[in-house]
C-alpha cells in the first residue's frame, strides 16, 4: 500500500443510536485495497452495530 492510495472503504464520523441512546460516536475507518479488517471485542462492544452502520450508509448512497 502506498500513502497516496485511496481507501476502498472510508467512514467518517459514523454515529448510531437506538432510540435516544447513542451507541457509536464519531467512528472513523479507512480500509485500503488488499487489507483485511476484523472487528474484535466482547459481547456488546459494538461490532455488529458498526457493521450495520457501514451497510446502512452504503445502501442509502450517503458517503460514510
N, C-alpha and C. Protein backbone atom coordinates (compact mmCIF):
# COMPACT_ATOMS: atom_id res chain seq x y z
N UNK A 1 0.84 -1.17 0.00
CA UNK A 1 0.00 0.00 0.00
C UNK A 1 0.89 1.24 0.00
N UNK A 2 0.51 2.20 -0.81
CA UNK A 2 1.24 3.45 -0.81
C UNK A 2 0.44 4.50 -0.05
N UNK A 3 1.14 5.50 0.43
CA UNK A 3 0.49 6.55 1.22
C UNK A 3 -0.55 7.30 0.39
N UNK A 4 -0.40 7.32 -0.93
CA UNK A 4 -1.32 8.07 -1.77
C UNK A 4 -2.52 7.25 -2.24
N UNK A 5 -2.56 5.96 -1.95
CA UNK A 5 -3.68 5.15 -2.42
C UNK A 5 -4.95 5.50 -1.64
N UNK A 6 -6.02 5.63 -2.39
CA UNK A 6 -7.30 5.97 -1.77
C UNK A 6 -7.92 4.72 -1.15
N UNK A 7 -8.57 4.85 -0.01
CA UNK A 7 -9.21 3.69 0.60
C UNK A 7 -10.41 3.23 -0.23
N UNK A 8 -10.69 1.93 -0.21
CA UNK A 8 -11.87 1.41 -0.89
C UNK A 8 -13.09 1.51 0.01
N UNK A 9 -12.86 1.61 1.31
CA UNK A 9 -13.93 1.86 2.28
C UNK A 9 -13.46 3.01 3.17
N UNK A 10 -14.29 4.02 3.27
CA UNK A 10 -13.96 5.14 4.16
C UNK A 10 -15.23 5.55 4.91
N UNK A 11 -15.12 5.65 6.21
CA UNK A 11 -16.22 6.14 7.05
C UNK A 11 -15.67 7.26 7.91
N UNK A 12 -16.42 8.32 8.01
CA UNK A 12 -16.02 9.46 8.84
C UNK A 12 -17.20 9.86 9.72
N UNK A 13 -16.96 9.89 11.00
CA UNK A 13 -17.97 10.37 11.94
C UNK A 13 -19.19 9.48 12.04
N UNK A 14 -19.01 8.16 11.85
CA UNK A 14 -20.13 7.22 11.93
C UNK A 14 -20.75 7.28 13.32
N UNK A 15 -22.04 7.59 13.37
CA UNK A 15 -22.77 7.70 14.63
C UNK A 15 -24.06 6.91 14.49
N UNK A 16 -24.39 6.13 15.50
CA UNK A 16 -25.65 5.38 15.50
C UNK A 16 -26.27 5.45 16.88
N UNK A 17 -27.60 5.32 16.89
CA UNK A 17 -28.34 5.34 18.15
C UNK A 17 -29.51 4.37 18.05
N UNK A 18 -29.89 3.83 19.17
CA UNK A 18 -31.13 3.06 19.30
C UNK A 18 -32.06 3.93 20.12
N UNK A 19 -33.03 4.54 19.44
CA UNK A 19 -33.89 5.50 20.12
C UNK A 19 -33.06 6.69 20.56
N UNK A 20 -33.17 7.04 21.83
CA UNK A 20 -32.43 8.18 22.38
C UNK A 20 -31.05 7.79 22.91
N UNK A 21 -30.72 6.49 22.83
CA UNK A 21 -29.45 6.00 23.39
C UNK A 21 -28.38 5.97 22.30
N UNK A 22 -27.36 6.81 22.44
CA UNK A 22 -26.25 6.82 21.49
C UNK A 22 -25.39 5.57 21.67
N UNK A 23 -25.08 4.90 20.58
CA UNK A 23 -24.30 3.66 20.64
C UNK A 23 -22.89 3.88 20.08
N UNK A 24 -22.79 4.47 18.91
CA UNK A 24 -21.50 4.79 18.30
C UNK A 24 -21.38 6.29 18.19
N UNK A 25 -20.19 6.81 18.43
CA UNK A 25 -19.99 8.25 18.41
C UNK A 25 -18.73 8.60 17.62
N UNK A 26 -18.89 9.07 16.40
CA UNK A 26 -17.77 9.58 15.62
C UNK A 26 -16.72 8.56 15.23
N UNK A 27 -17.13 7.38 14.77
CA UNK A 27 -16.18 6.34 14.36
C UNK A 27 -15.61 6.69 12.98
N UNK A 28 -14.29 6.68 12.86
CA UNK A 28 -13.59 6.89 11.59
C UNK A 28 -12.91 5.59 11.20
N UNK A 29 -12.96 5.26 9.90
CA UNK A 29 -12.41 4.00 9.44
C UNK A 29 -11.96 4.13 7.99
N UNK A 30 -10.76 3.64 7.68
CA UNK A 30 -10.26 3.52 6.31
C UNK A 30 -9.80 2.09 6.10
N UNK A 31 -10.22 1.49 4.97
CA UNK A 31 -9.74 0.17 4.58
C UNK A 31 -9.23 0.31 3.15
N UNK A 32 -7.99 -0.07 2.94
CA UNK A 32 -7.35 0.04 1.63
C UNK A 32 -7.38 -1.30 0.90
N UNK A 33 -7.27 -1.24 -0.42
CA UNK A 33 -7.27 -2.44 -1.26
C UNK A 33 -6.23 -3.43 -0.73
N UNK A 34 -6.65 -4.68 -0.57
CA UNK A 34 -5.76 -5.74 -0.10
C UNK A 34 -5.74 -5.91 1.40
N UNK A 35 -6.30 -4.98 2.14
CA UNK A 35 -6.34 -5.11 3.60
C UNK A 35 -7.52 -5.97 4.03
N UNK A 36 -7.38 -6.60 5.16
CA UNK A 36 -8.45 -7.38 5.77
C UNK A 36 -8.77 -6.72 7.10
N UNK A 37 -10.05 -6.49 7.35
CA UNK A 37 -10.49 -5.84 8.58
C UNK A 37 -11.21 -6.85 9.46
N UNK A 38 -10.85 -6.90 10.71
CA UNK A 38 -11.55 -7.74 11.69
C UNK A 38 -11.96 -6.86 12.86
N UNK A 39 -13.23 -6.92 13.21
CA UNK A 39 -13.72 -6.19 14.39
C UNK A 39 -13.76 -7.18 15.55
N UNK A 40 -12.99 -6.92 16.57
CA UNK A 40 -12.89 -7.81 17.72
C UNK A 40 -13.39 -7.10 18.96
N UNK A 41 -14.00 -7.86 19.84
CA UNK A 41 -14.44 -7.27 21.10
C UNK A 41 -15.39 -8.20 21.83
N UNK A 42 -15.65 -7.85 23.06
CA UNK A 42 -16.56 -8.62 23.89
C UNK A 42 -18.00 -8.44 23.42
N UNK A 43 -18.89 -9.26 23.95
CA UNK A 43 -20.31 -9.11 23.68
C UNK A 43 -20.74 -7.71 24.08
N UNK A 44 -21.44 -7.04 23.17
CA UNK A 44 -21.90 -5.69 23.45
C UNK A 44 -20.90 -4.60 23.12
N UNK A 45 -19.78 -4.97 22.50
CA UNK A 45 -18.73 -3.99 22.21
C UNK A 45 -19.05 -3.11 21.00
N UNK A 46 -20.01 -3.52 20.16
CA UNK A 46 -20.41 -2.70 19.02
C UNK A 46 -19.97 -3.21 17.67
N UNK A 47 -19.51 -4.46 17.58
CA UNK A 47 -19.06 -4.99 16.29
C UNK A 47 -20.21 -5.02 15.28
N UNK A 48 -21.32 -5.61 15.65
CA UNK A 48 -22.45 -5.73 14.73
C UNK A 48 -23.05 -4.36 14.42
N UNK A 49 -23.10 -3.49 15.40
CA UNK A 49 -23.64 -2.15 15.19
C UNK A 49 -22.77 -1.36 14.21
N UNK A 50 -21.46 -1.47 14.34
CA UNK A 50 -20.55 -0.80 13.42
C UNK A 50 -20.74 -1.33 12.00
N UNK A 51 -20.82 -2.64 11.87
CA UNK A 51 -21.03 -3.26 10.57
C UNK A 51 -22.37 -2.81 9.97
N UNK A 52 -23.41 -2.77 10.78
CA UNK A 52 -24.73 -2.34 10.31
C UNK A 52 -24.70 -0.88 9.87
N UNK A 53 -23.98 -0.05 10.59
CA UNK A 53 -23.86 1.36 10.22
C UNK A 53 -23.17 1.55 8.88
N UNK A 54 -22.14 0.77 8.63
CA UNK A 54 -21.44 0.84 7.35
C UNK A 54 -22.35 0.38 6.21
N UNK A 55 -23.09 -0.71 6.45
CA UNK A 55 -24.02 -1.21 5.42
C UNK A 55 -25.12 -0.19 5.15
N UNK A 56 -25.66 0.40 6.21
CA UNK A 56 -26.75 1.37 6.05
C UNK A 56 -26.27 2.57 5.24
N UNK A 57 -25.08 3.06 5.52
CA UNK A 57 -24.54 4.20 4.76
C UNK A 57 -24.35 3.84 3.30
N UNK A 58 -23.86 2.62 3.04
CA UNK A 58 -23.64 2.18 1.67
C UNK A 58 -24.97 2.05 0.93
N UNK A 59 -25.98 1.46 1.56
CA UNK A 59 -27.26 1.23 0.92
C UNK A 59 -28.01 2.53 0.65
N UNK A 60 -27.81 3.52 1.50
CA UNK A 60 -28.51 4.79 1.32
C UNK A 60 -27.85 5.67 0.28
N UNK A 61 -26.63 5.30 -0.13
CA UNK A 61 -25.90 6.10 -1.09
C UNK A 61 -25.20 7.30 -0.48
N UNK A 62 -25.27 7.42 0.83
CA UNK A 62 -24.59 8.51 1.54
C UNK A 62 -23.15 8.10 1.76
N UNK A 63 -22.18 8.91 1.35
CA UNK A 63 -20.79 8.56 1.62
C UNK A 63 -20.54 8.53 3.12
N UNK A 64 -20.03 7.41 3.61
CA UNK A 64 -19.81 7.28 5.06
C UNK A 64 -18.54 7.98 5.47
